[in-house]
Amino acid sequence: MSETTEPYVASERPRRLTARDSRLGPWRAFLTAHALISRRLDDDLRAEHQMTLAEYAALLQLAEAPGRRLRMNQLADSIVLSRSGVTRLIDRLVGDRLVARSQCSSDGRGAEAVLTDIGLARLRDASRTHLRGIEAYFLDSIEPTDLATLERSFGAIGNKVRSDGRGMSAACDPIDQDRPPSSRPD
């Protein structure tokens, strides 16, 4: 099959991807940008607040939730972590008194993570660093007229992937990325 630079049309039968396929350029650019920005944001939060980007994301989701509480599975889904990954993350946050565990108020079977006042204060403090990083590493590189297109495009991608009904796997867990696969929990 020959490689082409013609745009892919969704109604066509998908062409087989090859390593030199020009359609992979946007994908590779996205992966590189995401990895670099995530690493920079994480580095900034660690240096200035002794907090990881995943911890910040969890605190933010809890702060925005009704009653500053979420069931563990909802939190895992909202920050794109596996169930075991969010459990380890919440264990650390509980140890730092930023989050408390609670029985689910609606059915008593599930566990909820609840943002503490200390956690809210730490989140507010760290948000300056996080927003400064978003401005410097992401927004400063994009034309303002392109922002709506990017939001629409990335939103459509996220919605399509979410709609397939598959849950997260430990292999997708950002907390486990620095561990070799053989030492990751199931």
N, C-alpha and C. Protein backbone atom coordinates (compact mmCIF):
# COMPACT_ATOMS: atom_id res chain seq x y z
N MET A 1 0.85 -1.16 0.00
CA MET A 1 0.00 0.00 0.00
C MET A 1 0.89 1.23 0.00
N SER A 2 0.61 2.18 -0.83
CA SER A 2 1.46 3.37 -0.92
C SER A 2 1.10 4.35 0.18
N GLU A 3 2.09 5.13 0.57
CA GLU A 3 1.86 6.15 1.58
C GLU A 3 1.45 7.42 0.89
N THR A 4 0.64 8.20 1.58
CA THR A 4 0.10 9.39 0.95
C THR A 4 0.05 10.53 1.95
N THR A 5 -0.01 11.73 1.42
CA THR A 5 -0.18 12.89 2.28
C THR A 5 -1.58 13.45 2.14
N GLU A 6 -2.45 12.76 1.41
CA GLU A 6 -3.82 13.21 1.27
C GLU A 6 -4.53 13.08 2.61
N PRO A 7 -5.46 14.02 2.88
CA PRO A 7 -6.18 13.94 4.16
C PRO A 7 -7.04 12.68 4.24
N TYR A 8 -7.14 12.16 5.43
CA TYR A 8 -7.96 10.98 5.68
C TYR A 8 -9.41 11.41 5.81
N VAL A 9 -10.31 10.74 5.16
CA VAL A 9 -11.74 11.02 5.25
C VAL A 9 -12.36 9.87 6.03
N ALA A 10 -13.10 10.21 7.09
CA ALA A 10 -13.63 9.19 8.00
C ALA A 10 -14.54 8.19 7.30
N SER A 11 -15.22 8.58 6.24
CA SER A 11 -16.13 7.65 5.58
C SER A 11 -15.40 6.64 4.71
N GLU A 12 -14.13 6.89 4.42
CA GLU A 12 -13.35 5.94 3.64
C GLU A 12 -12.98 4.74 4.51
N ARG A 13 -12.67 3.66 3.85
CA ARG A 13 -12.13 2.52 4.58
C ARG A 13 -10.76 2.92 5.10
N PRO A 14 -10.50 2.71 6.38
CA PRO A 14 -9.21 3.15 6.95
C PRO A 14 -8.04 2.51 6.23
N ARG A 15 -7.05 3.34 5.93
CA ARG A 15 -5.82 2.82 5.35
C ARG A 15 -4.95 2.31 6.48
N ARG A 16 -4.17 1.34 6.18
CA ARG A 16 -3.26 0.78 7.17
C ARG A 16 -2.16 1.79 7.47
N LEU A 17 -1.89 2.00 8.74
CA LEU A 17 -0.83 2.92 9.14
C LEU A 17 0.53 2.26 8.98
N THR A 18 1.47 3.05 8.58
CA THR A 18 2.87 2.62 8.53
C THR A 18 3.69 3.64 9.30
N ALA A 19 4.91 3.28 9.62
CA ALA A 19 5.76 4.15 10.43
C ALA A 19 6.02 5.49 9.75
N ARG A 20 5.98 5.54 8.43
CA ARG A 20 6.26 6.79 7.72
C ARG A 20 5.00 7.51 7.27
N ASP A 21 3.86 7.04 7.68
CA ASP A 21 2.59 7.64 7.28
C ASP A 21 2.51 9.08 7.78
N SER A 22 2.22 10.01 6.90
CA SER A 22 2.19 11.42 7.26
C SER A 22 1.07 11.75 8.26
N ARG A 23 0.08 10.87 8.36
CA ARG A 23 -1.00 11.12 9.33
C ARG A 23 -0.52 10.96 10.77
N LEU A 24 0.62 10.34 10.98
CA LEU A 24 1.14 10.16 12.33
C LEU A 24 1.81 11.42 12.87
N GLY A 25 2.12 12.37 12.01
CA GLY A 25 2.77 13.61 12.45
C GLY A 25 1.99 14.33 13.54
N PRO A 26 0.68 14.59 13.34
CA PRO A 26 -0.08 15.26 14.41
C PRO A 26 -0.11 14.44 15.70
N TRP A 27 -0.20 13.13 15.57
CA TRP A 27 -0.23 12.26 16.75
C TRP A 27 1.08 12.39 17.53
N ARG A 28 2.19 12.31 16.82
CA ARG A 28 3.49 12.40 17.48
C ARG A 28 3.68 13.78 18.11
N ALA A 29 3.24 14.82 17.43
CA ALA A 29 3.36 16.17 17.99
C ALA A 29 2.53 16.30 19.27
N PHE A 30 1.32 15.73 19.25
CA PHE A 30 0.46 15.74 20.44
C PHE A 30 1.13 15.01 21.60
N LEU A 31 1.63 13.80 21.34
CA LEU A 31 2.27 13.02 22.40
C LEU A 31 3.46 13.76 23.00
N THR A 32 4.29 14.32 22.15
CA THR A 32 5.46 15.05 22.63
C THR A 32 5.06 16.26 23.45
N ALA A 33 4.12 17.05 22.93
CA ALA A 33 3.68 18.24 23.65
C ALA A 33 3.06 17.87 24.99
N HIS A 34 2.20 16.86 24.99
CA HIS A 34 1.56 16.45 26.24
C HIS A 34 2.58 15.98 27.26
N ALA A 35 3.51 15.15 26.84
CA ALA A 35 4.52 14.63 27.77
C ALA A 35 5.40 15.76 28.31
N LEU A 36 5.83 16.67 27.46
CA LEU A 36 6.70 17.75 27.91
C LEU A 36 5.97 18.71 28.85
N ILE A 37 4.75 19.08 28.50
CA ILE A 37 3.99 20.00 29.34
C ILE A 37 3.66 19.34 30.68
N SER A 38 3.22 18.10 30.65
CA SER A 38 2.91 17.39 31.90
C SER A 38 4.13 17.30 32.80
N ARG A 39 5.27 17.00 32.22
CA ARG A 39 6.51 16.89 33.00
C ARG A 39 6.88 18.23 33.62
N ARG A 40 6.77 19.30 32.82
CA ARG A 40 7.09 20.64 33.34
C ARG A 40 6.14 21.04 34.46
N LEU A 41 4.84 20.83 34.27
CA LEU A 41 3.87 21.18 35.30
C LEU A 41 4.14 20.38 36.58
N ASP A 42 4.42 19.09 36.42
CA ASP A 42 4.73 18.24 37.56
C ASP A 42 6.00 18.72 38.27
N ASP A 43 7.04 19.03 37.50
CA ASP A 43 8.29 19.52 38.08
C ASP A 43 8.06 20.81 38.87
N ASP A 44 7.28 21.74 38.30
CA ASP A 44 7.02 23.01 38.98
C ASP A 44 6.27 22.79 40.29
N LEU A 45 5.23 21.94 40.24
CA LEU A 45 4.44 21.68 41.45
C LEU A 45 5.28 20.98 42.52
N ARG A 46 6.11 20.04 42.10
CA ARG A 46 6.98 19.36 43.07
C ARG A 46 7.97 20.33 43.71
N ALA A 47 8.59 21.17 42.88
CA ALA A 47 9.61 22.10 43.37
C ALA A 47 9.02 23.16 44.31
N GLU A 48 7.87 23.68 43.95
CA GLU A 48 7.31 24.80 44.71
C GLU A 48 6.32 24.40 45.80
N HIS A 49 5.72 23.20 45.67
CA HIS A 49 4.65 22.83 46.62
C HIS A 49 4.75 21.41 47.13
N GLN A 50 5.80 20.67 46.75
CA GLN A 50 5.95 19.27 47.15
C GLN A 50 4.67 18.49 46.85
N MET A 51 4.15 18.71 45.63
CA MET A 51 2.90 18.09 45.20
C MET A 51 3.06 17.65 43.74
N THR A 52 2.57 16.45 43.42
CA THR A 52 2.63 16.00 42.04
C THR A 52 1.46 16.57 41.24
N LEU A 53 1.58 16.49 39.93
CA LEU A 53 0.49 16.93 39.06
C LEU A 53 -0.76 16.07 39.28
N ALA A 54 -0.58 14.78 39.52
CA ALA A 54 -1.72 13.89 39.78
C ALA A 54 -2.41 14.27 41.09
N GLU A 55 -1.62 14.61 42.10
CA GLU A 55 -2.20 15.05 43.37
C GLU A 55 -2.98 16.34 43.19
N TYR A 56 -2.40 17.27 42.44
CA TYR A 56 -3.08 18.53 42.16
C TYR A 56 -4.40 18.27 41.44
N ALA A 57 -4.38 17.41 40.44
CA ALA A 57 -5.59 17.10 39.67
C ALA A 57 -6.68 16.51 40.57
N ALA A 58 -6.29 15.64 41.49
CA ALA A 58 -7.27 15.04 42.40
C ALA A 58 -7.86 16.09 43.33
N LEU A 59 -7.01 16.94 43.89
CA LEU A 59 -7.51 18.00 44.77
C LEU A 59 -8.45 18.94 44.02
N LEU A 60 -8.11 19.26 42.78
CA LEU A 60 -8.96 20.14 41.99
C LEU A 60 -10.32 19.52 41.72
N GLN A 61 -10.35 18.24 41.36
CA GLN A 61 -11.63 17.57 41.12
C GLN A 61 -12.48 17.54 42.38
N LEU A 62 -11.85 17.30 43.51
CA LEU A 62 -12.59 17.28 44.77
C LEU A 62 -13.12 18.68 45.12
N ALA A 63 -12.31 19.71 44.88
CA ALA A 63 -12.74 21.08 45.18
C ALA A 63 -13.95 21.48 44.35
N GLU A 64 -14.04 20.97 43.12
CA GLU A 64 -15.13 21.33 42.22
C GLU A 64 -16.37 20.45 42.40
N ALA A 65 -16.26 19.38 43.16
CA ALA A 65 -17.37 18.45 43.36
C ALA A 65 -18.33 18.97 44.43
N PRO A 66 -19.60 18.61 44.31
CA PRO A 66 -20.56 19.00 45.36
C PRO A 66 -20.11 18.47 46.73
N GLY A 67 -20.10 19.34 47.71
CA GLY A 67 -19.68 18.94 49.05
C GLY A 67 -18.20 18.62 49.15
N ARG A 68 -17.44 18.95 48.11
CA ARG A 68 -15.99 18.65 48.04
C ARG A 68 -15.71 17.18 48.27
N ARG A 69 -16.57 16.30 47.72
CA ARG A 69 -16.41 14.86 47.90
C ARG A 69 -16.79 14.14 46.61
N LEU A 70 -16.09 13.03 46.36
CA LEU A 70 -16.38 12.17 45.22
C LEU A 70 -16.15 10.72 45.62
N ARG A 71 -16.96 9.85 45.02
CA ARG A 71 -16.69 8.42 45.17
C ARG A 71 -15.36 8.14 44.51
N MET A 72 -14.67 7.14 45.00
CA MET A 72 -13.33 6.83 44.49
C MET A 72 -13.36 6.51 42.99
N ASN A 73 -14.38 5.77 42.53
CA ASN A 73 -14.42 5.43 41.11
C ASN A 73 -14.68 6.67 40.26
N GLN A 74 -15.49 7.63 40.76
CA GLN A 74 -15.72 8.87 40.02
C GLN A 74 -14.43 9.68 39.94
N LEU A 75 -13.70 9.72 41.03
CA LEU A 75 -12.43 10.45 41.04
C LEU A 75 -11.44 9.81 40.08
N ALA A 76 -11.37 8.49 40.09
CA ALA A 76 -10.47 7.79 39.17
C ALA A 76 -10.81 8.13 37.72
N ASP A 77 -12.09 8.11 37.39
CA ASP A 77 -12.50 8.42 36.03
C ASP A 77 -12.22 9.87 35.66
N SER A 78 -12.43 10.78 36.60
CA SER A 78 -12.27 12.19 36.28
C SER A 78 -10.82 12.60 36.10
N ILE A 79 -9.89 11.91 36.75
CA ILE A 79 -8.48 12.25 36.58
C ILE A 79 -7.74 11.21 35.76
N VAL A 80 -8.48 10.29 35.18
CA VAL A 80 -7.96 9.28 34.26
C VAL A 80 -6.87 8.44 34.92
N LEU A 81 -7.23 7.84 36.03
CA LEU A 81 -6.36 6.89 36.72
C LEU A 81 -7.10 5.57 36.88
N SER A 82 -6.36 4.51 37.04
CA SER A 82 -6.98 3.23 37.36
C SER A 82 -7.50 3.29 38.79
N ARG A 83 -8.34 2.34 39.15
CA ARG A 83 -8.86 2.30 40.52
C ARG A 83 -7.73 2.11 41.52
N SER A 84 -6.79 1.26 41.21
CA SER A 84 -5.67 1.06 42.14
C SER A 84 -4.78 2.30 42.19
N GLY A 85 -4.63 2.97 41.07
CA GLY A 85 -3.83 4.20 41.05
C GLY A 85 -4.44 5.29 41.90
N VAL A 86 -5.76 5.46 41.83
CA VAL A 86 -6.40 6.50 42.63
C VAL A 86 -6.37 6.12 44.11
N THR A 87 -6.44 4.83 44.42
CA THR A 87 -6.34 4.40 45.82
C THR A 87 -4.99 4.79 46.40
N ARG A 88 -3.92 4.52 45.68
CA ARG A 88 -2.58 4.89 46.15
C ARG A 88 -2.42 6.40 46.28
N LEU A 89 -2.97 7.12 45.30
CA LEU A 89 -2.92 8.58 45.33
C LEU A 89 -3.65 9.13 46.56
N ILE A 90 -4.85 8.65 46.80
CA ILE A 90 -5.63 9.11 47.95
C ILE A 90 -4.96 8.70 49.25
N ASP A 91 -4.33 7.53 49.30
CA ASP A 91 -3.59 7.14 50.51
C ASP A 91 -2.53 8.19 50.85
N ARG A 92 -1.80 8.67 49.84
CA ARG A 92 -0.78 9.70 50.08
C ARG A 92 -1.42 11.00 50.56
N LEU A 93 -2.53 11.40 49.92
CA LEU A 93 -3.20 12.64 50.29
C LEU A 93 -3.81 12.57 51.69
N VAL A 94 -4.32 11.39 52.05
CA VAL A 94 -4.84 11.19 53.41
C VAL A 94 -3.68 11.31 54.40
N GLY A 95 -2.54 10.71 54.08
CA GLY A 95 -1.37 10.80 54.95
C GLY A 95 -0.90 12.23 55.17
N ASP A 96 -1.10 13.08 54.17
CA ASP A 96 -0.73 14.49 54.27
C ASP A 96 -1.87 15.35 54.81
N ARG A 97 -2.99 14.73 55.18
CA ARG A 97 -4.17 15.39 55.73
C ARG A 97 -4.83 16.36 54.74
N LEU A 98 -4.61 16.14 53.45
CA LEU A 98 -5.23 16.98 52.42
C LEU A 98 -6.60 16.44 52.03
N VAL A 99 -6.80 15.15 52.26
CA VAL A 99 -8.04 14.46 51.92
C VAL A 99 -8.38 13.52 53.08
N ALA A 100 -9.67 13.30 53.28
CA ALA A 100 -10.13 12.31 54.25
C ALA A 100 -10.96 11.28 53.50
N ARG A 101 -10.99 10.06 54.02
CA ARG A 101 -11.87 9.03 53.47
C ARG A 101 -13.16 9.03 54.26
N SER A 102 -14.25 8.73 53.54
CA SER A 102 -15.55 8.69 54.18
C SER A 102 -16.38 7.61 53.51
N GLN A 103 -17.34 7.06 54.25
CA GLN A 103 -18.30 6.14 53.64
C GLN A 103 -19.20 6.95 52.73
N CYS A 104 -19.62 6.35 51.65
CA CYS A 104 -20.51 7.02 50.72
C CYS A 104 -21.82 7.35 51.42
N SER A 105 -22.23 8.59 51.36
CA SER A 105 -23.44 9.02 52.06
C SER A 105 -24.71 8.48 51.43
N SER A 106 -24.67 8.12 50.13
CA SER A 106 -25.89 7.67 49.46
C SER A 106 -26.18 6.19 49.63
N ASP A 107 -25.13 5.35 49.73
CA ASP A 107 -25.42 3.92 49.86
C ASP A 107 -24.58 3.20 50.91
N GLY A 108 -23.58 3.83 51.46
CA GLY A 108 -22.81 3.23 52.53
C GLY A 108 -21.84 2.15 52.11
N ARG A 109 -21.94 1.68 50.85
CA ARG A 109 -21.05 0.60 50.41
C ARG A 109 -19.73 1.13 49.88
N GLY A 110 -19.78 2.26 49.20
CA GLY A 110 -18.59 2.78 48.56
C GLY A 110 -17.84 3.77 49.44
N ALA A 111 -16.61 3.99 49.09
CA ALA A 111 -15.78 4.96 49.80
C ALA A 111 -15.75 6.26 49.00
N GLU A 112 -15.66 7.36 49.73
CA GLU A 112 -15.54 8.67 49.11
C GLU A 112 -14.26 9.33 49.60
N ALA A 113 -13.71 10.15 48.73
CA ALA A 113 -12.61 11.02 49.12
C ALA A 113 -13.20 12.39 49.36
N VAL A 114 -12.81 13.02 50.46
CA VAL A 114 -13.35 14.32 50.85
C VAL A 114 -12.18 15.29 51.03
N LEU A 115 -12.25 16.41 50.35
CA LEU A 115 -11.21 17.43 50.46
C LEU A 115 -11.30 18.10 51.83
N THR A 116 -10.18 18.17 52.53
CA THR A 116 -10.14 18.83 53.84
C THR A 116 -9.87 20.32 53.64
N ASP A 117 -10.03 21.09 54.70
CA ASP A 117 -9.71 22.52 54.63
C ASP A 117 -8.23 22.73 54.34
N ILE A 118 -7.39 21.88 54.92
CA ILE A 118 -5.95 21.95 54.65
C ILE A 118 -5.69 21.68 53.17
N GLY A 119 -6.38 20.68 52.61
CA GLY A 119 -6.22 20.35 51.20
C GLY A 119 -6.67 21.49 50.30
N LEU A 120 -7.77 22.13 50.65
CA LEU A 120 -8.26 23.27 49.87
C LEU A 120 -7.25 24.42 49.90
N ALA A 121 -6.67 24.68 51.05
CA ALA A 121 -5.67 25.75 51.16
C ALA A 121 -4.43 25.43 50.32
N ARG A 122 -3.98 24.17 50.37
CA ARG A 122 -2.82 23.76 49.55
C ARG A 122 -3.13 23.86 48.07
N LEU A 123 -4.35 23.47 47.68
CA LEU A 123 -4.76 23.58 46.28
C LEU A 123 -4.74 25.03 45.82
N ARG A 124 -5.31 25.91 46.63
CA ARG A 124 -5.34 27.33 46.26
C ARG A 124 -3.93 27.88 46.10
N ASP A 125 -3.05 27.50 46.99
CA ASP A 125 -1.66 27.95 46.91
C ASP A 125 -0.98 27.41 45.64
N ALA A 126 -1.17 26.14 45.37
CA ALA A 126 -0.54 25.52 44.20
C ALA A 126 -1.15 25.97 42.88
N SER A 127 -2.38 26.45 42.92
CA SER A 127 -3.05 26.83 41.66
C SER A 127 -2.32 27.96 40.95
N ARG A 128 -1.69 28.84 41.67
CA ARG A 128 -0.93 29.92 41.02
C ARG A 128 0.20 29.35 40.16
N THR A 129 0.89 28.38 40.70
CA THR A 129 1.98 27.73 39.96
C THR A 129 1.43 26.97 38.76
N HIS A 130 0.36 26.24 38.96
CA HIS A 130 -0.23 25.46 37.88
C HIS A 130 -0.72 26.36 36.75
N LEU A 131 -1.44 27.41 37.08
CA LEU A 131 -1.96 28.32 36.05
C LEU A 131 -0.83 29.05 35.34
N ARG A 132 0.20 29.42 36.08
CA ARG A 132 1.37 30.06 35.46
C ARG A 132 2.01 29.11 34.44
N GLY A 133 2.09 27.83 34.80
CA GLY A 133 2.66 26.83 33.89
C GLY A 133 1.80 26.63 32.65
N ILE A 134 0.48 26.58 32.82
CA ILE A 134 -0.41 26.43 31.66
C ILE A 134 -0.21 27.60 30.70
N GLU A 135 -0.12 28.78 31.26
CA GLU A 135 0.10 29.98 30.43
C GLU A 135 1.43 29.87 29.67
N ALA A 136 2.50 29.55 30.40
CA ALA A 136 3.83 29.54 29.80
C ALA A 136 4.06 28.38 28.84
N TYR A 137 3.60 27.19 29.20
CA TYR A 137 3.94 26.00 28.41
C TYR A 137 2.90 25.65 27.35
N PHE A 138 1.71 26.18 27.46
CA PHE A 138 0.64 25.81 26.52
C PHE A 138 0.07 27.04 25.81
N LEU A 139 -0.55 27.93 26.56
CA LEU A 139 -1.27 29.05 25.94
C LEU A 139 -0.36 30.01 25.17
N ASP A 140 0.85 30.25 25.66
CA ASP A 140 1.75 31.17 24.97
C ASP A 140 2.18 30.67 23.60
N SER A 141 2.01 29.37 23.34
CA SER A 141 2.42 28.79 22.06
C SER A 141 1.29 28.69 21.05
N ILE A 142 0.09 29.08 21.43
CA ILE A 142 -1.08 28.88 20.58
C ILE A 142 -1.71 30.23 20.26
N GLU A 143 -2.07 30.40 19.01
CA GLU A 143 -2.78 31.61 18.62
C GLU A 143 -4.15 31.61 19.30
N PRO A 144 -4.57 32.72 19.86
CA PRO A 144 -5.88 32.77 20.52
C PRO A 144 -7.03 32.30 19.62
N THR A 145 -6.93 32.54 18.34
CA THR A 145 -7.99 32.12 17.42
C THR A 145 -8.04 30.60 17.25
N ASP A 146 -6.97 29.90 17.64
CA ASP A 146 -6.93 28.45 17.51
C ASP A 146 -7.45 27.71 18.75
N LEU A 147 -7.64 28.43 19.85
CA LEU A 147 -8.02 27.78 21.10
C LEU A 147 -9.36 27.05 21.01
N ALA A 148 -10.36 27.67 20.41
CA ALA A 148 -11.67 27.02 20.31
C ALA A 148 -11.58 25.75 19.47
N THR A 149 -10.79 25.77 18.41
CA THR A 149 -10.62 24.59 17.56
C THR A 149 -9.95 23.46 18.33
N LEU A 150 -8.91 23.80 19.08
CA LEU A 150 -8.24 22.78 19.88
C LEU A 150 -9.18 22.20 20.93
N GLU A 151 -9.93 23.04 21.60
CA GLU A 151 -10.86 22.55 22.62
C GLU A 151 -11.90 21.62 22.01
N ARG A 152 -12.44 22.02 20.88
CA ARG A 152 -13.43 21.17 20.19
C ARG A 152 -12.81 19.84 19.77
N SER A 153 -11.63 19.91 19.18
CA SER A 153 -10.97 18.70 18.68
C SER A 153 -10.60 17.75 19.81
N PHE A 154 -9.95 18.26 20.85
CA PHE A 154 -9.56 17.40 21.96
C PHE A 154 -10.78 16.89 22.71
N GLY A 155 -11.81 17.72 22.81
CA GLY A 155 -13.06 17.27 23.44
C GLY A 155 -13.70 16.13 22.67
N ALA A 156 -13.71 16.24 21.34
CA ALA A 156 -14.28 15.17 20.51
C ALA A 156 -13.48 13.88 20.65
N ILE A 157 -12.17 14.01 20.70
CA ILE A 157 -11.32 12.82 20.87
C ILE A 157 -11.61 12.16 22.22
N GLY A 158 -11.63 12.95 23.28
CA GLY A 158 -11.90 12.41 24.61
C GLY A 158 -13.27 11.76 24.68
N ASN A 159 -14.28 12.40 24.11
CA ASN A 159 -15.63 11.83 24.13
C ASN A 159 -15.71 10.52 23.37
N LYS A 160 -15.03 10.45 22.23
CA LYS A 160 -15.05 9.21 21.45
C LYS A 160 -14.38 8.07 22.21
N VAL A 161 -13.25 8.35 22.80
CA VAL A 161 -12.54 7.30 23.54
C VAL A 161 -13.34 6.88 24.77
N ARG A 162 -13.92 7.84 25.49
CA ARG A 162 -14.74 7.50 26.67
C ARG A 162 -15.95 6.67 26.28
N SER A 163 -16.53 6.93 25.13
CA SER A 163 -17.78 6.27 24.74
C SER A 163 -17.61 4.80 24.38
N ASP A 164 -16.37 4.32 24.28
CA ASP A 164 -16.19 2.91 23.92
C ASP A 164 -16.51 1.98 25.09
N GLY A 165 -16.71 2.54 26.29
CA GLY A 165 -17.15 1.73 27.43
C GLY A 165 -16.07 0.98 28.16
N ARG A 166 -14.84 1.08 27.71
CA ARG A 166 -13.76 0.38 28.41
C ARG A 166 -13.23 1.23 29.53
N GLY A 167 -12.89 0.60 30.64
CA GLY A 167 -12.33 1.32 31.78
C GLY A 167 -10.84 1.50 31.63
N MET A 168 -10.26 2.15 32.61
CA MET A 168 -8.82 2.35 32.62
C MET A 168 -8.12 1.05 32.99
N SER A 169 -6.91 0.90 32.54
CA SER A 169 -6.10 -0.25 32.93
C SER A 169 -4.88 0.26 33.66
N ALA A 170 -4.25 -0.60 34.42
CA ALA A 170 -3.05 -0.20 35.16
C ALA A 170 -1.96 0.27 34.21
N ALA A 171 -1.95 -0.24 32.99
CA ALA A 171 -0.93 0.18 32.03
C ALA A 171 -1.08 1.64 31.64
N CYS A 172 -2.26 2.22 31.81
CA CYS A 172 -2.50 3.61 31.46
C CYS A 172 -2.32 4.53 32.65
N ASP A 173 -1.98 4.02 33.78
CA ASP A 173 -1.94 4.77 35.01
C ASP A 173 -0.69 5.65 35.06
N PRO A 174 -0.85 7.00 35.00
CA PRO A 174 0.32 7.87 35.02
C PRO A 174 1.16 7.72 36.28
N ILE A 175 0.58 7.33 37.39
CA ILE A 175 1.34 7.16 38.62
C ILE A 175 2.37 6.04 38.44
N ASP A 176 2.04 5.04 37.64
CA ASP A 176 2.90 3.88 37.47
C ASP A 176 3.89 4.03 36.31
N GLN A 177 3.90 5.16 35.62
CA GLN A 177 4.73 5.27 34.43
C GLN A 177 6.22 5.11 34.70
N ASP A 178 6.67 5.51 35.89
CA ASP A 178 8.09 5.40 36.18
C ASP A 178 8.50 4.03 36.68
N ARG A 179 7.52 3.15 36.91
CA ARG A 179 7.82 1.79 37.38
C ARG A 179 7.92 0.85 36.19
N PRO A 180 8.80 -0.13 36.26
CA PRO A 180 8.80 -1.15 35.21
C PRO A 180 7.49 -1.93 35.24
N PRO A 181 6.98 -2.38 34.09
CA PRO A 181 5.70 -3.09 34.05
C PRO A 181 5.62 -4.26 35.03
N SER A 182 6.72 -4.95 35.26
CA SER A 182 6.67 -6.12 36.14
C SER A 182 6.41 -5.76 37.60
N SER A 183 6.66 -4.48 38.00
CA SER A 183 6.45 -4.11 39.40
C SER A 183 5.16 -3.34 39.61
N ARG A 184 4.35 -3.15 38.54
CA ARG A 184 3.08 -2.44 38.67
C ARG A 184 2.03 -3.36 39.24
N PRO A 185 1.23 -2.84 40.18
CA PRO A 185 0.16 -3.67 40.72
C PRO A 185 -0.93 -3.89 39.67
N ASP A 186 -1.67 -4.99 39.81
CA ASP A 186 -2.74 -5.27 38.86
C ASP A 186 -3.94 -4.43 39.12
